[in-house]
């Protein structure tokens, strides 16, 4: 071996170690931003006095606008000639969206339309980051260490998000007794802004061995739709979108219901969200083993059978401790469902198409959420809002989730021995999941 080749090895090893540290720290800072900032936007809408439907839909309608904006990502990445530049840029933009929220909190008021506009930019920048990040980081982390590395990283991401949720709840609870209670939100949003800016710095510190993977291809919308129209992938896509639509008939209204009708404080409300995240983190190792030993189909059925009853518990429970237990159950089944759907979809996406395909998938996902939210908002209003409105959307969501089981039977038949992905795919399960952590919300 030549001396040049021998000396290059330590440099490559040092570069890899630096990249792995930066990817790890970025994930922790991103999770802190989500737990501290993103999860505080719906309570902020409630504190501003927005009507029930408006306060609930602030978590979904801006997401659709943002998902539409991020469709331009593949074109802009090619113009920048770098996935890293795009990810760092969108991460910085996302961080800056917390500044107008913090300013409004200090001022004590913010028009509803402006809150929606800021939230749309937040979601647009965040969603635009995810496909490019998945493609880029896939070139950094060697396959030989990918399973163990991302397993441990994702566990600590959950821990960091839980810590952020608890901290945000405590800050908002203390601030509720201040002369201007909204000022506490300024502190929370300020922490979220700093965390995301530091995350952007970590992203800038990553190397980029392949700025544009060879053969990078933008999949046209027509080809994308045709690809998922037939076969196993198409059946699974229909099922996933149906579940998301059914879920978000009720999902936007949990936070207003907890804060207004149940009179929970901010710590209790965010604590219930954190309980589901804790359960997800704790269940990941078990669900990974189930996927390896029993197949992804078994994992999908565990999640699919559980997500319907999980929301039904909110129809009969109003005690905090009982709802806490319900949230733990919900986190367990949602962990299985999210892991199962991820393994079924993303293991087969070619790196050259990953950014384009995931960009369009996120848009379809947001549209499904918007459809469910719009239906839930209409039902909530028709039922008179308040407790009656929440019970109506929770009951409708329960029925609709259970109605997706025939679609699950088509997507993951029980007769399948091991499903579409086995142990080799489990090694890849953690790469694109950062967009999914904590997004399901209660139940």
Protein backbone atom coordinates (compact mmCIF):
# COMPACT_ATOMS: atom_id res chain seq x y z
CA UNK A 1 0.00 0.00 0.00
CA UNK A 2 1.31 3.46 -0.86
CA UNK A 3 2.15 5.99 1.86
CA UNK A 4 -0.49 8.28 0.35
CA UNK A 5 -3.18 5.67 0.79
CA UNK A 6 -2.07 4.98 4.34
CA UNK A 7 -2.19 8.67 5.32
CA UNK A 8 -5.62 9.14 3.73
CA UNK A 9 -7.23 6.58 6.04
CA UNK A 10 -6.94 8.63 9.27
CA UNK A 11 -8.31 11.68 7.45
CA UNK A 12 -11.34 9.75 6.20
CA UNK A 13 -11.92 8.26 9.65
CA UNK A 14 -11.69 11.70 11.28
CA UNK A 15 -14.08 13.16 8.71
CA UNK A 16 -16.57 10.33 9.28
CA UNK A 17 -16.38 10.75 13.07
CA UNK A 18 -16.97 14.50 12.69
CA UNK A 19 -19.97 13.92 10.39
CA UNK A 20 -21.51 11.38 12.75
CA UNK A 21 -21.18 13.79 15.69
CA UNK A 22 -22.70 16.64 13.68
CA UNK A 23 -25.64 14.52 12.47
CA UNK A 24 -26.26 13.40 16.05
CA UNK A 25 -26.16 16.91 17.57
CA UNK A 26 -28.30 18.34 14.76
CA UNK A 27 -30.97 15.75 15.53
CA UNK A 28 -31.03 16.63 19.23
CA UNK A 29 -31.29 20.36 18.52
CA UNK A 30 -34.03 19.76 15.94
CA UNK A 31 -36.00 17.65 18.44
CA UNK A 32 -35.62 20.39 21.06
CA UNK A 33 -37.03 22.92 18.58
CA UNK A 34 -40.02 20.67 17.83
CA UNK A 35 -40.82 20.02 21.48
CA UNK A 36 -40.25 23.59 22.60
CA UNK A 37 -41.54 25.59 19.61
CA UNK A 38 -43.66 23.59 17.19
CA UNK A 39 -45.78 21.97 19.88
CA UNK A 40 -46.37 25.40 21.47
CA UNK A 41 -47.99 26.94 18.39
CA UNK A 42 -51.49 25.44 19.00
CA UNK A 43 -51.51 26.55 22.70
CA UNK A 44 -50.37 29.99 21.51
CA UNK A 45 -53.36 30.15 19.16
CA UNK A 46 -55.64 29.29 22.08
CA UNK A 47 -53.98 31.92 24.28
CA UNK A 48 -54.47 34.53 21.55
CA UNK A 49 -58.21 33.87 21.78
CA UNK A 50 -58.71 32.37 18.33
CA UNK A 51 -62.07 30.56 17.96
CA UNK A 52 -62.06 26.79 18.52
CA UNK A 53 -61.84 25.69 14.88
CA UNK A 54 -59.26 28.35 14.00
CA UNK A 55 -57.13 27.47 17.01
CA UNK A 56 -57.22 23.80 16.11
CA UNK A 57 -56.56 24.13 12.38
CA UNK A 58 -53.43 26.24 12.91
CA UNK A 59 -51.56 22.93 13.13
CA UNK A 60 -52.82 21.62 9.77
CA UNK A 61 -53.91 24.30 7.27
CA UNK A 62 -50.49 26.05 7.27
CA UNK A 63 -48.90 22.61 6.81
CA UNK A 64 -50.71 22.21 3.49
CA UNK A 65 -49.60 25.63 2.32
CA UNK A 66 -46.05 24.80 3.36
CA UNK A 67 -46.14 21.39 1.65
CA UNK A 68 -47.24 23.11 -1.57
CA UNK A 69 -44.40 25.63 -1.34
CA UNK A 70 -41.79 22.90 -0.89
CA UNK A 71 -42.68 21.27 -4.23
CA UNK A 72 -40.09 23.61 -5.74
CA UNK A 73 -37.31 21.94 -3.72
CA UNK A 74 -35.85 19.65 -6.43
CA UNK A 75 -35.54 22.54 -8.91
CA UNK A 76 -33.93 24.84 -6.34
CA UNK A 77 -31.52 22.13 -5.19
CA UNK A 78 -30.28 21.70 -8.75
CA UNK A 79 -29.80 25.46 -9.05
CA UNK A 80 -27.82 25.54 -5.81
CA UNK A 81 -26.00 22.37 -6.95
CA UNK A 82 -25.98 21.10 -3.40
CA UNK A 83 -28.30 19.34 -0.99
CA UNK A 84 -26.34 20.75 1.95
CA UNK A 85 -26.80 24.38 0.90
CA UNK A 86 -30.53 23.84 0.53
CA UNK A 87 -30.91 22.11 3.90
CA UNK A 88 -28.88 24.76 5.74
CA UNK A 89 -30.88 27.55 4.06
CA UNK A 90 -34.30 26.06 4.85
CA UNK A 91 -33.25 25.23 8.43
CA UNK A 92 -32.21 28.87 8.97
CA UNK A 93 -35.49 30.14 7.50
CA UNK A 94 -37.41 27.80 9.78
CA UNK A 95 -35.52 29.13 12.80
CA UNK A 96 -36.31 32.74 11.90
CA UNK A 97 -40.07 32.07 11.79
CA UNK A 98 -40.05 31.96 15.59
CA UNK A 99 -38.98 35.62 15.80
CA UNK A 100 -42.35 37.12 14.71
CA UNK A 101 -44.10 34.68 17.05
CA UNK A 102 -41.92 35.80 19.96
CA UNK A 103 -42.49 39.47 19.06
CA UNK A 104 -46.26 38.94 18.95
CA UNK A 105 -46.13 37.19 22.33
CA UNK A 106 -44.33 40.19 23.85
CA UNK A 107 -46.83 42.56 22.21
CA UNK A 108 -49.71 40.50 23.57
CA UNK A 109 -51.59 40.14 20.30
CA UNK A 110 -51.34 38.72 16.78
CA UNK A 111 -53.93 38.61 13.98
CA UNK A 112 -55.07 35.10 13.11
CA UNK A 113 -54.14 35.50 9.45
CA UNK A 114 -50.57 36.49 10.36
CA UNK A 115 -50.21 33.50 12.70
CA UNK A 116 -51.31 31.22 9.85
CA UNK A 117 -48.87 32.90 7.43
CA UNK A 118 -45.91 32.50 9.79
CA UNK A 119 -46.87 28.90 10.51
CA UNK A 120 -47.07 28.22 6.77
CA UNK A 121 -43.49 29.46 6.26
CA UNK A 122 -42.39 27.35 9.24
CA UNK A 123 -43.94 24.21 7.78
CA UNK A 124 -42.80 24.98 4.23
CA UNK A 125 -39.18 25.36 5.31
CA UNK A 126 -39.34 22.30 7.56
CA UNK A 127 -40.95 20.00 5.01
CA UNK A 128 -38.58 21.24 2.29
CA UNK A 129 -35.67 20.23 4.49
CA UNK A 130 -36.70 16.61 4.99
CA UNK A 131 -36.33 14.98 1.53
CA UNK A 132 -33.02 16.71 0.82
CA UNK A 133 -31.72 15.83 4.30
CA UNK A 134 -32.62 12.16 3.78
CA UNK A 135 -30.80 12.03 0.45
CA UNK A 136 -27.74 13.89 1.74
CA UNK A 137 -27.29 12.05 5.05
CA UNK A 138 -27.73 8.77 3.20
CA UNK A 139 -24.35 9.49 1.57
CA UNK A 140 -22.66 10.23 4.91
CA UNK A 141 -23.54 7.33 7.22
CA UNK A 142 -22.00 4.00 6.14
CA UNK A 143 -24.42 1.12 5.81
CA UNK A 144 -22.33 -1.00 8.18
CA UNK A 145 -23.07 1.28 11.15
CA UNK A 146 -26.41 2.71 10.07
CA UNK A 147 -28.70 0.48 12.13
CA UNK A 148 -26.98 0.92 15.49
CA UNK A 149 -26.17 4.59 14.90
CA UNK A 150 -29.69 5.72 13.99
CA UNK A 151 -31.30 3.46 16.59
CA UNK A 152 -29.36 5.16 19.36
CA UNK A 153 -29.70 8.61 17.81
CA UNK A 154 -33.48 8.35 17.48
CA UNK A 155 -33.84 7.19 21.07
CA UNK A 156 -32.02 10.33 22.27
CA UNK A 157 -34.06 12.46 19.87
CA UNK A 158 -37.19 11.24 21.63
CA UNK A 159 -35.62 11.94 25.02
CA UNK A 160 -34.66 15.47 23.95
CA UNK A 161 -38.13 16.17 22.61
CA UNK A 162 -39.70 14.95 25.84
CA UNK A 163 -37.40 17.23 27.86
CA UNK A 164 -38.34 20.16 25.62
CA UNK A 165 -42.07 19.45 25.98
CA UNK A 166 -41.82 19.27 29.75
CA UNK A 167 -39.71 22.45 29.88
CA UNK A 168 -42.11 24.34 27.64
CA UNK A 169 -45.06 23.24 29.76
CA UNK A 170 -43.32 24.41 32.92
CA UNK A 171 -42.41 27.81 31.41
CA UNK A 172 -45.94 28.37 30.17
CA UNK A 173 -47.41 27.28 33.50
CA UNK A 174 -45.20 29.73 35.42
CA UNK A 175 -45.90 32.48 32.90
CA UNK A 176 -49.67 32.05 33.21
CA UNK A 177 -49.52 34.08 36.45
CA UNK A 178 -47.58 36.98 34.90
CA UNK A 179 -49.14 40.32 34.05
CA UNK A 180 -48.73 39.43 30.37
CA UNK A 181 -49.11 35.62 30.25
CA UNK A 182 -48.28 35.59 26.55
CA UNK A 183 -44.74 36.73 27.38
CA UNK A 184 -43.94 33.15 28.43
CA UNK A 185 -44.48 32.10 24.82
CA UNK A 186 -41.79 34.58 23.79
CA UNK A 187 -39.29 32.68 25.96
CA UNK A 188 -40.38 29.33 24.52
CA UNK A 189 -40.20 30.54 20.92
CA UNK A 190 -36.84 32.20 21.62
CA UNK A 191 -35.36 28.90 22.83
CA UNK A 192 -36.77 27.15 19.75
CA UNK A 193 -35.22 29.76 17.44
CA UNK A 194 -31.78 29.42 19.03
CA UNK A 195 -31.96 25.61 18.92
CA UNK A 196 -32.78 25.59 15.20
CA UNK A 197 -30.06 28.15 14.40
CA UNK A 198 -27.52 25.98 16.20
CA UNK A 199 -28.93 23.01 14.28
CA UNK A 200 -28.30 24.89 11.02
CA UNK A 201 -24.68 25.45 12.10
CA UNK A 202 -24.32 21.72 12.72
CA UNK A 203 -25.76 21.01 9.30
CA UNK A 204 -23.25 23.40 7.74
CA UNK A 205 -20.47 21.45 9.48
CA UNK A 206 -21.43 18.19 7.72
CA UNK A 207 -19.33 17.19 4.73
CA UNK A 208 -20.96 16.59 1.37
CA UNK A 209 -19.12 13.91 -0.60
CA UNK A 210 -21.78 13.83 -3.31
CA UNK A 211 -23.66 17.18 -3.61
CA UNK A 212 -25.91 15.84 -6.40
CA UNK A 213 -26.08 12.03 -6.44
CA UNK A 214 -25.35 10.62 -9.87
CA UNK A 215 -28.39 10.45 -12.11
CA UNK A 216 -30.45 12.74 -9.89
CA UNK A 217 -33.93 12.59 -11.38
CA UNK A 218 -37.05 14.67 -10.87
CA UNK A 219 -40.01 12.29 -11.05
CA UNK A 220 -42.92 14.03 -12.84
CA UNK A 221 -46.23 14.21 -10.99
CA UNK A 222 -47.90 11.98 -13.59
CA UNK A 223 -45.24 9.31 -13.17
CA UNK A 224 -45.46 9.59 -9.39
CA UNK A 225 -49.22 9.08 -9.41
CA UNK A 226 -48.98 6.21 -11.88
CA UNK A 227 -46.30 4.54 -9.79
CA UNK A 228 -48.58 4.35 -6.74
CA UNK A 229 -51.80 3.65 -8.57
CA UNK A 230 -51.25 -0.09 -8.96
CA UNK A 231 -49.69 -2.92 -7.00
CA UNK A 232 -48.64 -3.21 -3.37
CA UNK A 233 -47.23 0.31 -3.10
CA UNK A 234 -50.44 1.82 -4.41
CA UNK A 235 -52.62 -0.12 -1.99
CA UNK A 236 -50.42 0.91 0.91
CA UNK A 237 -50.47 4.57 -0.13
CA UNK A 238 -54.28 4.57 -0.23
CA UNK A 239 -54.36 3.05 3.25
CA UNK A 240 -51.83 5.48 4.75
CA UNK A 241 -53.59 8.55 3.36
CA UNK A 242 -56.96 7.22 4.53
CA UNK A 243 -55.65 6.75 8.09
CA UNK A 244 -54.10 10.22 8.15
CA UNK A 245 -57.30 11.82 6.89
CA UNK A 246 -59.35 9.95 9.50
CA UNK A 247 -56.90 10.85 12.26
CA UNK A 248 -56.89 14.55 11.52
CA UNK A 249 -60.66 14.79 11.65
CA UNK A 250 -60.05 15.04 15.41
CA UNK A 251 -56.31 15.72 15.87
CA UNK A 252 -56.45 19.56 15.61
CA UNK A 253 -59.00 19.78 18.43
CA UNK A 254 -57.21 17.94 21.25
CA UNK A 255 -55.22 20.94 22.45
CA UNK A 256 -58.18 23.41 22.53
CA UNK A 257 -60.28 20.71 24.24
CA UNK A 258 -57.66 20.12 26.93
CA UNK A 259 -57.06 23.80 27.64
CA UNK A 260 -60.65 25.05 27.42
CA UNK A 261 -63.18 22.31 28.13
CA UNK A 262 -61.06 20.17 30.48
CA UNK A 263 -59.33 23.22 32.03
CA UNK A 264 -55.91 21.55 32.02
CA UNK A 265 -52.94 23.84 32.47
CA UNK A 266 -50.14 24.05 29.91
CA UNK A 267 -47.94 21.58 31.80
CA UNK A 268 -50.71 18.98 31.84
CA UNK A 269 -51.60 19.48 28.16
CA UNK A 270 -48.01 19.23 26.94
CA UNK A 271 -47.42 16.40 29.42
CA UNK A 272 -50.07 14.34 27.64
CA UNK A 273 -48.31 14.96 24.33
CA UNK A 274 -45.00 13.97 25.96
CA UNK A 275 -46.51 10.74 27.32
CA UNK A 276 -47.23 9.56 23.76
CA UNK A 277 -43.67 10.42 22.70
CA UNK A 278 -42.24 8.49 25.67
CA UNK A 279 -44.30 5.45 24.71
CA UNK A 280 -43.14 5.70 21.09
CA UNK A 281 -39.50 5.79 22.15
CA UNK A 282 -39.88 2.87 24.56
CA UNK A 283 -41.71 0.74 21.99
CA UNK A 284 -39.24 1.22 19.10
CA UNK A 285 -36.89 -1.66 20.02
CA UNK A 286 -39.80 -4.08 20.43
CA UNK A 287 -41.39 -3.05 17.15
CA UNK A 288 -38.07 -3.34 15.36
CA UNK A 289 -37.77 -6.95 16.55
CA UNK A 290 -41.35 -7.69 15.47
CA UNK A 291 -40.60 -6.34 12.00
CA UNK A 292 -37.50 -8.54 11.74
CA UNK A 293 -39.10 -11.73 13.07
CA UNK A 294 -42.76 -11.48 12.02
CA UNK A 295 -42.62 -9.12 9.07
CA UNK A 296 -43.83 -5.61 8.45
CA UNK A 297 -47.39 -6.82 7.82
CA UNK A 298 -47.67 -7.90 11.46
CA UNK A 299 -46.44 -4.49 12.58
CA UNK A 300 -48.99 -2.73 10.40
CA UNK A 301 -51.81 -4.81 11.89
CA UNK A 302 -50.72 -4.01 15.45
CA UNK A 303 -50.84 -0.32 14.63
CA UNK A 304 -53.90 -0.47 12.40
CA UNK A 305 -56.02 -2.33 14.97
CA UNK A 306 -54.90 0.00 17.76
CA UNK A 307 -55.23 3.50 16.30
CA UNK A 308 -59.03 3.36 16.17
CA UNK A 309 -59.73 2.51 19.83
CA UNK A 310 -57.01 4.93 20.96
CA UNK A 311 -59.11 7.97 20.06
CA UNK A 312 -62.32 6.35 21.33
CA UNK A 313 -60.93 6.56 24.88
CA UNK A 314 -61.25 10.35 24.68
CA UNK A 315 -65.03 9.92 24.36
CA UNK A 316 -65.34 8.46 27.85
CA UNK A 317 -62.34 9.85 29.78
CA UNK A 318 -61.75 13.34 31.15
CA UNK A 319 -59.49 12.63 34.13
CA UNK A 320 -55.84 13.61 33.62
CA UNK A 321 -54.35 10.38 34.97
CA UNK A 322 -56.69 8.23 32.90
CA UNK A 323 -55.87 10.21 29.77
CA UNK A 324 -52.17 9.87 30.58
CA UNK A 325 -52.56 6.08 30.49
CA UNK A 326 -54.55 6.40 27.26
CA UNK A 327 -51.72 8.41 25.73
CA UNK A 328 -49.19 5.73 26.61
CA UNK A 329 -51.35 3.18 24.79
CA UNK A 330 -51.74 5.53 21.83
CA UNK A 331 -47.98 6.07 21.63
CA UNK A 332 -47.38 2.31 21.58
CA UNK A 333 -49.73 1.63 18.66
CA UNK A 334 -48.71 4.74 16.72
CA UNK A 335 -45.07 3.68 17.04
CA UNK A 336 -45.94 0.36 15.39
CA UNK A 337 -48.01 2.04 12.69
CA UNK A 338 -45.42 4.66 11.80
CA UNK A 339 -42.56 2.17 11.70
CA UNK A 340 -44.59 -0.30 9.65
CA UNK A 341 -45.65 2.25 7.05
CA UNK A 342 -42.14 3.65 6.81
CA UNK A 343 -40.54 0.25 6.25
CA UNK A 344 -43.14 -0.58 3.60
CA UNK A 345 -42.66 2.63 1.62
CA UNK A 346 -39.17 4.00 1.78
CA UNK A 347 -36.83 1.02 1.54
CA UNK A 348 -37.37 0.80 -2.22
CA UNK A 349 -36.85 4.46 -3.19
CA UNK A 350 -33.69 4.91 -5.25
CA UNK A 351 -31.26 7.57 -3.93
CA UNK A 352 -31.34 9.43 -7.27
CA UNK A 353 -35.13 9.82 -6.96
CA UNK A 354 -35.45 10.09 -3.20
CA UNK A 355 -35.62 13.89 -2.96
CA UNK A 356 -38.20 14.18 -5.74
CA UNK A 357 -40.39 11.27 -4.59
CA UNK A 358 -40.38 12.31 -0.92
CA UNK A 359 -41.17 15.90 -1.86
CA UNK A 360 -44.32 14.79 -3.67
CA UNK A 361 -45.20 12.28 -0.98
CA UNK A 362 -45.06 14.97 1.72
CA UNK A 363 -47.41 17.11 -0.38
CA UNK A 364 -49.91 14.24 -0.78
CA UNK A 365 -49.62 13.55 2.93
CA UNK A 366 -50.37 17.19 3.78
CA UNK A 367 -53.36 17.24 1.46
CA UNK A 368 -54.76 14.13 3.16
CA UNK A 369 -54.33 15.82 6.54
CA UNK A 370 -55.99 18.98 5.22
CA UNK A 371 -58.98 17.04 3.93
CA UNK A 372 -59.51 15.38 7.29
CA UNK A 373 -59.02 18.66 9.15
CA UNK A 374 -61.47 20.52 6.95
CA UNK A 375 -64.10 17.81 7.48
CA UNK A 376 -63.42 17.87 11.21
CA UNK A 377 -63.68 21.66 11.33
CA UNK A 378 -67.04 21.57 9.56
CA UNK A 379 -68.35 18.86 11.89
CA UNK A 380 -66.99 20.66 14.97
CA UNK A 381 -68.86 23.82 13.99
CA UNK A 382 -72.06 21.98 13.05
CA UNK A 383 -72.10 20.30 16.46
CA UNK A 384 -71.91 23.66 18.20
CA UNK A 385 -68.22 23.61 19.16
CA UNK A 386 -67.01 23.11 22.73
CA UNK A 387 -67.33 19.69 24.32
CA UNK A 388 -70.11 18.59 21.98
CA UNK A 389 -68.03 19.53 18.97
CA UNK A 390 -65.00 17.63 20.25
CA UNK A 391 -67.03 14.52 21.03
CA UNK A 392 -68.49 14.65 17.52
CA UNK A 393 -65.10 14.80 15.79
CA UNK A 394 -63.62 12.15 18.12
CA UNK A 395 -66.49 9.77 17.37
CA UNK A 396 -66.22 10.43 13.63
CA UNK A 397 -62.46 9.86 13.71
CA UNK A 398 -62.94 6.56 15.55
CA UNK A 399 -65.43 5.29 12.97
CA UNK A 400 -63.32 6.42 10.03
CA UNK A 401 -60.13 4.86 11.42
CA UNK A 402 -61.89 1.53 11.89
CA UNK A 403 -63.28 1.84 8.36
CA UNK A 404 -59.71 1.79 7.00
CA UNK A 405 -59.17 -1.82 8.12
CA UNK A 406 -60.41 -3.29 4.80
CA UNK A 407 -57.81 -1.11 3.07
CA UNK A 408 -55.18 -2.47 5.46
CA UNK A 409 -56.25 -6.02 4.58
CA UNK A 410 -55.53 -5.19 0.91
CA UNK A 411 -52.22 -3.48 1.72
CA UNK A 412 -50.88 -6.02 4.25
CA UNK A 413 -52.76 -9.35 4.01
CA UNK A 414 -52.40 -11.59 7.04
CA UNK A 415 -51.38 -14.45 4.78
CA UNK A 416 -48.13 -12.70 3.92
CA UNK A 417 -45.37 -14.47 5.82
CA UNK A 418 -42.91 -11.64 6.22
CA UNK A 419 -44.30 -8.58 4.45
CA UNK A 420 -42.40 -6.40 1.97
CA UNK A 421 -39.40 -5.76 4.18
CA UNK A 422 -37.34 -7.86 6.52
CA UNK A 423 -34.18 -7.49 8.51
CA UNK A 424 -32.25 -5.79 5.70
CA UNK A 425 -34.81 -3.02 5.53
CA UNK A 426 -34.88 -2.55 9.30
CA UNK A 427 -31.32 -1.29 8.94
CA UNK A 428 -32.66 1.67 7.01
CA UNK A 429 -35.71 2.45 9.09
CA UNK A 430 -34.37 5.49 10.93
CA UNK A 431 -32.99 7.57 8.10
CA UNK A 432 -35.99 9.64 6.92
CA UNK A 433 -38.04 9.57 10.14
CA UNK A 434 -37.18 13.00 11.53
CA UNK A 435 -40.28 14.51 9.91
CA UNK A 436 -42.49 12.01 11.67
CA UNK A 437 -41.41 12.33 15.29
CA UNK A 438 -44.07 13.91 17.46
CA UNK A 439 -46.41 14.79 14.62
CA UNK A 440 -49.25 12.41 15.40
CA UNK A 441 -50.23 14.30 18.52
CA UNK A 442 -52.62 12.93 21.10
CA UNK A 443 -54.32 9.63 20.29
